[in-house]
PDB file of N, CA and C in Angstrom:
ATOM      1  N   MET A   1      24.959   7.054  17.871  1.00  0.00           N
ATOM      2  CA  MET A   1      24.084   7.185  18.036  1.00  0.00           C
ATOM      3  C   MET A   1      23.314   8.283  19.277  1.00  0.00           C
ATOM      4  N   ALA A   2      21.946   8.463  18.880  1.00  0.00           N
ATOM      5  CA  ALA A   2      21.534   8.668  19.649  1.00  0.00           C
ATOM      6  C   ALA A   2      20.172   8.573  20.716  1.00  0.00           C
ATOM      7  N   LEU A   3      20.480   7.291  21.856  1.00  0.00           N
ATOM      8  CA  LEU A   3      19.263   6.495  21.858  1.00  0.00           C
ATOM      9  C   LEU A   3      17.529   7.503  22.090  1.00  0.00           C
ATOM     10  N   LYS A   4      16.538   6.843  21.683  1.00  0.00           N
ATOM     11  CA  LYS A   4      15.362   7.551  21.518  1.00  0.00           C
ATOM     12  C   LYS A   4      14.551   7.516  22.926  1.00  0.00           C
ATOM     13  N   ALA A   5      14.154   8.607  23.345  1.00  0.00           N
ATOM     14  CA  ALA A   5      13.734   8.874  24.926  1.00  0.00           C
ATOM     15  C   ALA A   5      12.029   7.739  24.731  1.00  0.00           C
ATOM     16  N   MET A   6      12.238   7.502  25.244  1.00  0.00           N
ATOM     17  CA  MET A   6      10.869   6.446  25.803  1.00  0.00           C
ATOM     18  C   MET A   6       9.116   7.696  25.810  1.00  0.00           C
ATOM     19  N   ILE A   7       8.633   7.389  26.124  1.00  0.00           N
ATOM     20  CA  ILE A   7       6.623   8.516  26.406  1.00  0.00           C
ATOM     21  C   ILE A   7       6.717   7.895  27.756  1.00  0.00           C
ATOM     22  N   ILE A   8       6.639   9.647  28.151  1.00  0.00           N
ATOM     23  CA  ILE A   8       5.884   8.986  29.536  1.00  0.00           C
ATOM     24  C   ILE A   8       4.869  10.055  29.592  1.00  0.00           C
ATOM     25  N   ALA A   9       3.748   9.397  30.566  1.00  0.00           N
ATOM     26  CA  ALA A   9       2.522   9.467  29.904  1.00  0.00           C
ATOM     27  C   ALA A   9       1.641   9.629  31.133  1.00  0.00           C
ATOM     28  N   TYR A  10       0.920  10.936  31.592  1.00  0.00           N
ATOM     29  CA  TYR A  10       0.418  10.889  33.091  1.00  0.00           C
ATOM     30  C   TYR A  10      -1.711  10.559  32.644  1.00  0.00           C
ATOM     31  N   VAL A  11      -2.357   9.461  33.060  1.00  0.00           N
ATOM     32  CA  VAL A  11      -3.633   9.051  32.728  1.00  0.00           C
ATOM     33  C   VAL A  11      -4.207   9.540  33.852  1.00  0.00           C
ATOM     34  N   LEU A  12      -5.026  10.854  33.801  1.00  0.00           N
ATOM     35  CA  LEU A  12      -6.179  11.101  34.977  1.00  0.00           C
ATOM     36  C   LEU A  12      -7.274  10.149  34.351  1.00  0.00           C
ATOM     37  N   ILE A  13      -7.752   9.385  35.485  1.00  0.00           N
ATOM     38  CA  ILE A  13      -9.000   8.609  34.966  1.00  0.00           C
ATOM     39  C   ILE A  13     -10.179   9.124  35.947  1.00  0.00           C
ATOM     40  N   ILE A  14     -11.391   8.776  35.438  1.00  0.00           N
ATOM     41  CA  ILE A  14     -12.776   8.506  36.201  1.00  0.00           C
ATOM     42  C   ILE A  14     -13.451   7.234  36.326  1.00  0.00           C
ATOM     43  N   ALA A  15     -13.295   6.999  37.459  1.00  0.00           N
ATOM     44  CA  ALA A  15     -13.612   5.575  37.632  1.00  0.00           C
ATOM     45  C   ALA A  15     -15.407   5.841  37.487  1.00  0.00           C
ATOM     46  N   LYS A  16     -15.982   4.384  37.878  1.00  0.00           N
ATOM     47  CA  LYS A  16     -17.405   4.394  38.677  1.00  0.00           C
ATOM     48  C   LYS A  16     -17.877   4.044  40.068  1.00  0.00           C
ATOM     49  N   SER A  17     -18.499   4.536  40.457  1.00  0.00           N
ATOM     50  CA  SER A  17     -18.009   4.806  42.366  1.00  0.00           C
ATOM     51  C   SER A  17     -17.745   3.573  42.749  1.00  0.00           C
ATOM     52  N   GLY A  18     -16.963   3.223  43.536  1.00  0.00           N
ATOM     53  CA  GLY A  18     -16.997   1.737  43.979  1.00  0.00           C
ATOM     54  C   GLY A  18     -15.943   0.403  42.899  1.00  0.00           C
ATOM     55  N   THR A  19     -15.672   1.599  42.086  1.00  0.00           N
ATOM     56  CA  THR A  19     -14.635   0.339  41.135  1.00  0.00           C
ATOM     57  C   THR A  19     -13.777   1.004  41.250  1.00  0.00           C
ATOM     58  N   GLU A  20     -13.045   2.237  41.741  1.00  0.00           N
ATOM     59  CA  GLU A  20     -11.655   2.332  41.953  1.00  0.00           C
ATOM     60  C   GLU A  20     -10.566   1.414  42.033  1.00  0.00           C
ATOM     61  N   LYS A  21     -10.526   0.361  43.048  1.00  0.00           N
ATOM     62  CA  LYS A  21     -10.049  -0.489  43.688  1.00  0.00           C
ATOM     63  C   LYS A  21      -9.396  -1.772  42.528  1.00  0.00           C
ATOM     64  N   SER A  22     -10.809  -1.701  42.002  1.00  0.00           N
ATOM     65  CA  SER A  22     -10.677  -2.876  40.878  1.00  0.00           C
ATOM     66  C   SER A  22      -9.598  -2.498  39.936  1.00  0.00           C
ATOM     67  N   VAL A  23      -9.911  -1.328  39.184  1.00  0.00           N
ATOM     68  CA  VAL A  23      -9.734  -1.298  38.307  1.00  0.00           C
ATOM     69  C   VAL A  23      -7.902  -0.352  38.211  1.00  0.00           C
ATOM     70  N   VAL A  24      -7.759  -0.192  39.563  1.00  0.00           N
ATOM     71  CA  VAL A  24      -6.059   0.247  39.836  1.00  0.00           C
ATOM     72  C   VAL A  24      -5.669  -1.163  39.676  1.00  0.00           C
ATOM     73  N   SER A  25      -5.784  -2.542  40.237  1.00  0.00           N
ATOM     74  CA  SER A  25      -6.072  -3.887  40.323  1.00  0.00           C
ATOM     75  C   SER A  25      -5.757  -4.280  38.961  1.00  0.00           C
ATOM     76  N   GLU A  26      -6.590  -3.915  37.873  1.00  0.00           N
ATOM     77  CA  GLU A  26      -6.238  -4.044  36.439  1.00  0.00           C
ATOM     78  C   GLU A  26      -5.518  -3.440  36.138  1.00  0.00           C
ATOM     79  N   LEU A  27      -5.140  -2.662  36.094  1.00  0.00           N
ATOM     80  CA  LEU A  27      -4.267  -1.701  35.308  1.00  0.00           C
ATOM     81  C   LEU A  27      -2.454  -2.195  35.708  1.00  0.00           C
ATOM     82  N   LYS A  28      -2.221  -2.377  37.130  1.00  0.00           N
ATOM     83  CA  LYS A  28      -1.331  -2.790  37.424  1.00  0.00           C
ATOM     84  C   LYS A  28      -0.531  -4.135  37.110  1.00  0.00           C
ATOM     85  N   HIS A  29      -1.582  -4.204  36.353  1.00  0.00           N
ATOM     86  CA  HIS A  29      -1.676  -5.930  35.185  1.00  0.00           C
ATOM     87  C   HIS A  29      -1.105  -5.918  33.706  1.00  0.00           C
ATOM     88  N   TYR A  30      -0.793  -4.376  33.205  1.00  0.00           N
ATOM     89  CA  TYR A  30      -0.028  -3.525  32.096  1.00  0.00           C
ATOM     90  C   TYR A  30       1.271  -3.779  32.348  1.00  0.00           C
ATOM     91  N   LYS A  31       2.835  -3.779  31.967  1.00  0.00           N
ATOM     92  CA  LYS A  31       3.872  -3.586  31.463  1.00  0.00           C
ATOM     93  C   LYS A  31       4.037  -2.663  31.626  1.00  0.00           C
ATOM     94  N   GLU A  32       3.287  -1.443  30.693  1.00  0.00           N
ATOM     95  CA  GLU A  32       3.092   0.183  30.120  1.00  0.00           C
ATOM     96  C   GLU A  32       2.720   0.950  32.030  1.00  0.00           C
ATOM     97  N   ILE A  33       2.366   0.398  32.625  1.00  0.00           N
ATOM     98  CA  ILE A  33       1.992   0.912  33.791  1.00  0.00           C
ATOM     99  C   ILE A  33       2.808   1.080  34.489  1.00  0.00           C
ATOM    100  N   VAL A  34       3.881   2.052  35.143  1.00  0.00           N
ATOM    101  CA  VAL A  34       4.924   2.174  35.665  1.00  0.00           C
ATOM    102  C   VAL A  34       4.116   2.071  37.231  1.00  0.00           C
ATOM    103  N   ASP A  35       2.726   3.044  37.551  1.00  0.00           N
ATOM    104  CA  ASP A  35       2.128   2.939  38.375  1.00  0.00           C
ATOM    105  C   ASP A  35       0.470   3.592  38.725  1.00  0.00           C
ATOM    106  N   ALA A  36       0.198   3.382  39.779  1.00  0.00           N
ATOM    107  CA  ALA A  36      -1.758   4.051  39.513  1.00  0.00           C
ATOM    108  C   ALA A  36      -1.692   3.578  40.837  1.00  0.00           C
ATOM    109  N   GLU A  37      -2.233   5.090  41.180  1.00  0.00           N
ATOM    110  CA  GLU A  37      -2.980   4.841  42.260  1.00  0.00           C
ATOM    111  C   GLU A  37      -4.478   5.897  42.769  1.00  0.00           C
ATOM    112  N   ILE A  38      -5.148   5.328  43.378  1.00  0.00           N
ATOM    113  CA  ILE A  38      -6.194   6.139  44.104  1.00  0.00           C
ATOM    114  C   ILE A  38      -6.332   7.732  44.301  1.00  0.00           C
ATOM    115  N   LEU A  39      -7.147   8.347  43.894  1.00  0.00           N
ATOM    116  CA  LEU A  39      -6.710   9.705  44.430  1.00  0.00           C
ATOM    117  C   LEU A  39      -8.550  10.281  44.727  1.00  0.00           C
ATOM    118  N   TYR A  40      -7.944  11.909  45.819  1.00  0.00           N
ATOM    119  CA  TYR A  40      -9.387  12.190  45.534  1.00  0.00           C
ATOM    120  C   TYR A  40      -9.210  13.169  45.125  1.00  0.00           C
ATOM    121  N   GLY A  41     -10.427  14.011  44.487  1.00  0.00           N
ATOM    122  CA  GLY A  41     -10.960  14.686  44.123  1.00  0.00           C
ATOM    123  C   GLY A  41     -12.070  14.438  42.648  1.00  0.00           C
ATOM    124  N   GLU A  42     -11.428  15.805  41.832  1.00  0.00           N
ATOM    125  CA  GLU A  42     -12.484  15.521  40.385  1.00  0.00           C
ATOM    126  C   GLU A  42     -11.535  13.704  39.996  1.00  0.00           C
ATOM    127  N   TYR A  43     -10.533  13.537  39.575  1.00  0.00           N
ATOM    128  CA  TYR A  43     -10.394  12.338  39.298  1.00  0.00           C
ATOM    129  C   TYR A  43     -10.745  11.041  40.134  1.00  0.00           C
ATOM    130  N   ASP A  44     -10.336   9.885  39.668  1.00  0.00           N
ATOM    131  CA  ASP A  44     -10.570   9.004  40.853  1.00  0.00           C
ATOM    132  C   ASP A  44      -9.626   8.096  40.709  1.00  0.00           C
ATOM    133  N   ILE A  45      -8.080   8.096  39.869  1.00  0.00           N
ATOM    134  CA  ILE A  45      -7.028   7.340  39.699  1.00  0.00           C
ATOM    135  C   ILE A  45      -5.824   8.077  38.701  1.00  0.00           C
ATOM    136  N   LEU A  46      -5.000   7.852  39.380  1.00  0.00           N
ATOM    137  CA  LEU A  46      -3.818   8.640  38.779  1.00  0.00           C
ATOM    138  C   LEU A  46      -3.077   7.435  38.106  1.00  0.00           C
ATOM    139  N   ALA A  47      -2.489   7.558  36.763  1.00  0.00           N
ATOM    140  CA  ALA A  47      -1.620   6.261  35.580  1.00  0.00           C
ATOM    141  C   ALA A  47      -0.344   6.943  35.624  1.00  0.00           C
ATOM    142  N   LYS A  48       0.563   6.263  35.713  1.00  0.00           N
ATOM    143  CA  LYS A  48       2.003   6.465  35.458  1.00  0.00           C
ATOM    144  C   LYS A  48       2.196   5.641  33.891  1.00  0.00           C
ATOM    145  N   ILE A  49       2.172   6.195  31.988  1.00  0.00           N
ATOM    146  CA  ILE A  49       2.909   5.258  31.774  1.00  0.00           C
ATOM    147  C   ILE A  49       3.726   5.279  31.218  1.00  0.00           C
ATOM    148  N   LYS A  50       4.489   3.982  30.384  1.00  0.00           N
ATOM    149  CA  LYS A  50       5.510   4.604  29.916  1.00  0.00           C
ATOM    150  C   LYS A  50       5.739   3.847  28.869  1.00  0.00           C
ATOM    151  N   VAL A  51       5.746   4.808  27.709  1.00  0.00           N
ATOM    152  CA  VAL A  51       6.082   3.603  26.104  1.00  0.00           C
ATOM    153  C   VAL A  51       6.979   3.747  25.581  1.00  0.00           C
ATOM    154  N   LYS A  52       7.371   3.196  24.020  1.00  0.00           N
ATOM    155  CA  LYS A  52       8.430   4.049  23.442  1.00  0.00           C
ATOM    156  C   LYS A  52       7.805   5.246  22.432  1.00  0.00           C
ATOM    157  N   GLU A  53       6.503   5.139  22.149  1.00  0.00           N
ATOM    158  CA  GLU A  53       6.489   6.185  21.025  1.00  0.00           C
ATOM    159  C   GLU A  53       4.655   6.292  21.148  1.00  0.00           C
ATOM    160  N   ILE A  54       4.492   7.174  20.341  1.00  0.00           N
ATOM    161  CA  ILE A  54       3.181   7.748  20.817  1.00  0.00           C
ATOM    162  C   ILE A  54       2.271   7.644  20.116  1.00  0.00           C
ATOM    163  N   ALA A  55       2.351   6.441  19.118  1.00  0.00           N
ATOM    164  CA  ALA A  55       1.779   5.677  18.519  1.00  0.00           C
ATOM    165  C   ALA A  55       1.277   4.237  19.155  1.00  0.00           C
ATOM    166  N   ASP A  56       2.744   4.127  20.129  1.00  0.00           N
ATOM    167  CA  ASP A  56       2.290   2.819  20.858  1.00  0.00           C
ATOM    168  C   ASP A  56       1.289   3.551  22.417  1.00  0.00           C
ATOM    169  N   LEU A  57       1.223   4.363  22.691  1.00  0.00           N
ATOM    170  CA  LEU A  57       0.445   5.367  23.934  1.00  0.00           C
ATOM    171  C   LEU A  57      -0.650   5.403  23.373  1.00  0.00           C
ATOM    172  N   ASN A  58      -1.301   5.943  21.982  1.00  0.00           N
ATOM    173  CA  ASN A  58      -2.762   5.753  21.489  1.00  0.00           C
ATOM    174  C   ASN A  58      -2.881   4.228  21.483  1.00  0.00           C
ATOM    175  N   GLU A  59      -2.548   3.332  21.137  1.00  0.00           N
ATOM    176  CA  GLU A  59      -3.203   2.467  20.879  1.00  0.00           C
ATOM    177  C   GLU A  59      -3.454   1.441  22.047  1.00  0.00           C
ATOM    178  N   PHE A  60      -2.127   1.777  23.414  1.00  0.00           N
ATOM    179  CA  PHE A  60      -2.419   1.391  24.753  1.00  0.00           C
ATOM    180  C   PHE A  60      -3.743   2.092  25.370  1.00  0.00           C
ATOM    181  N   LEU A  61      -3.460   3.098  25.503  1.00  0.00           N
ATOM    182  CA  LEU A  61      -5.041   4.008  25.797  1.00  0.00           C
ATOM    183  C   LEU A  61      -6.240   3.193  25.013  1.00  0.00           C
ATOM    184  N   LEU A  62      -6.617   3.607  24.067  1.00  0.00           N
ATOM    185  CA  LEU A  62      -7.599   2.965  23.880  1.00  0.00           C
ATOM    186  C   LEU A  62      -7.529   1.154  23.609  1.00  0.00           C
ATOM    187  N   SER A  63      -6.736   0.976  23.434  1.00  0.00           N
ATOM    188  CA  SER A  63      -7.223  -0.561  23.395  1.00  0.00           C
ATOM    189  C   SER A  63      -6.977  -1.378  24.734  1.00  0.00           C
ATOM    190  N   LYS A  64      -6.525  -0.812  25.791  1.00  0.00           N
ATOM    191  CA  LYS A  64      -6.415  -1.519  27.032  1.00  0.00           C
ATOM    192  C   LYS A  64      -6.973  -0.524  28.478  1.00  0.00           C
ATOM    193  N   VAL A  65      -6.738   0.630  28.527  1.00  0.00           N
ATOM    194  CA  VAL A  65      -6.633   1.567  29.581  1.00  0.00           C
ATOM    195  C   VAL A  65      -8.139   1.877  29.402  1.00  0.00           C
ATOM    196  N   ARG A  66      -8.733   1.981  28.805  1.00  0.00           N
ATOM    197  CA  ARG A  66     -10.403   2.063  28.394  1.00  0.00           C
ATOM    198  C   ARG A  66     -11.553   1.637  27.918  1.00  0.00           C
ATOM    199  N   ARG A  67     -10.432   0.242  28.136  1.00  0.00           N
ATOM    200  CA  ARG A  67     -11.354  -1.081  28.259  1.00  0.00           C
ATOM    201  C   ARG A  67     -11.924  -1.772  29.747  1.00  0.00           C
ATOM    202  N   VAL A  68     -10.715  -1.164  30.706  1.00  0.00           N
ATOM    203  CA  VAL A  68     -11.180  -2.218  31.612  1.00  0.00           C
ATOM    204  C   VAL A  68     -12.116  -1.237  32.218  1.00  0.00           C
ATOM    205  N   ASP A  69     -13.093  -2.296  32.859  1.00  0.00           N
ATOM    206  CA  ASP A  69     -14.485  -2.667  33.485  1.00  0.00           C
ATOM    207  C   ASP A  69     -14.471  -1.312  34.412  1.00  0.00           C
ATOM    208  N   GLY A  70     -15.678  -0.210  34.096  1.00  0.00           N
ATOM    209  CA  GLY A  70     -15.333   0.831  35.485  1.00  0.00           C
ATOM    210  C   GLY A  70     -14.387   2.151  35.288  1.00  0.00           C
ATOM    211  N   VAL A  71     -13.805   2.666  34.441  1.00  0.00           N
ATOM    212  CA  VAL A  71     -13.390   3.114  33.744  1.00  0.00           C
ATOM    213  C   VAL A  71     -14.183   4.005  32.588  1.00  0.00           C
ATOM    214  N   GLU A  72     -14.850   5.856  33.345  1.00  0.00           N
ATOM    215  CA  GLU A  72     -15.795   6.196  32.247  1.00  0.00           C
ATOM    216  C   GLU A  72     -15.349   7.340  31.457  1.00  0.00           C
ATOM    217  N   LYS A  73     -13.769   7.740  32.035  1.00  0.00           N
ATOM    218  CA  LYS A  73     -13.035   8.539  31.028  1.00  0.00           C
ATOM    219  C   LYS A  73     -12.094   9.182  31.453  1.00  0.00           C
ATOM    220  N   THR A  74     -11.071   9.120  30.711  1.00  0.00           N
ATOM    221  CA  THR A  74      -9.350   9.282  31.305  1.00  0.00           C
ATOM    222  C   THR A  74      -8.955  10.853  30.829  1.00  0.00           C
ATOM    223  N   SER A  75      -8.891  11.822  30.120  1.00  0.00           N
ATOM    224  CA  SER A  75      -7.664  12.743  30.740  1.00  0.00           C
ATOM    225  C   SER A  75      -6.059  12.237  30.474  1.00  0.00           C
ATOM    226  N   THR A  76      -5.723  12.830  29.560  1.00  0.00           N
ATOM    227  CA  THR A  76      -3.499  11.721  29.380  1.00  0.00           C
ATOM    228  C   THR A  76      -2.767  13.241  29.460  1.00  0.00           C
ATOM    229  N   LEU A  77      -2.231  13.594  29.771  1.00  0.00           N
ATOM    230  CA  LEU A  77      -0.808  14.043  30.031  1.00  0.00           C
ATOM    231  C   LEU A  77       0.203  14.018  29.361  1.00  0.00           C
ATOM    232  N   ILE A  78       1.099  14.171  28.048  1.00  0.00           N
ATOM    233  CA  ILE A  78       2.448  13.925  28.135  1.00  0.00           C
ATOM    234  C   ILE A  78       3.607  15.085  28.610  1.00  0.00           C
ATOM    235  N   SER A  79       4.187  13.651  29.441  1.00  0.00           N
ATOM    236  CA  SER A  79       5.284  14.756  29.530  1.00  0.00           C
ATOM    237  C   SER A  79       6.147  15.060  28.726  1.00  0.00           C
ATOM    238  N   ALA A  80       6.736  16.378  29.092  1.00  0.00           N
ATOM    239  CA  ALA A  80       7.565  16.943  28.170  1.00  0.00           C
ATOM    240  C   ALA A  80       9.052  16.909  28.303  1.00  0.00           C
ATOM    241  N   ALA A  81      10.123  16.201  29.772  1.00  0.00           N
ATOM    242  CA  ALA A  81      11.092  16.094  29.499  1.00  0.00           C
ATOM    243  C   ALA A  81      11.101  14.491  28.705  1.00  0.00           C
TER     244      ALA A  81
END
């Protein structure tokens, strides 16, 4: 029996100005977040997420990431490998 692969996704986040550090700090409390870092450019934060299934990713993004104070917009990229 083959093991089911985990879903890896990268979430690009636009945060309210001045909240970047607090958003990253909050995100790092979640076990699904592998890493989160502040960026320069169009997006403010890059978060790497690891979950079991797409449904878990959807639930995590909607109920956790998008509710973090300071998060204004997200764009999710799901890894093909």
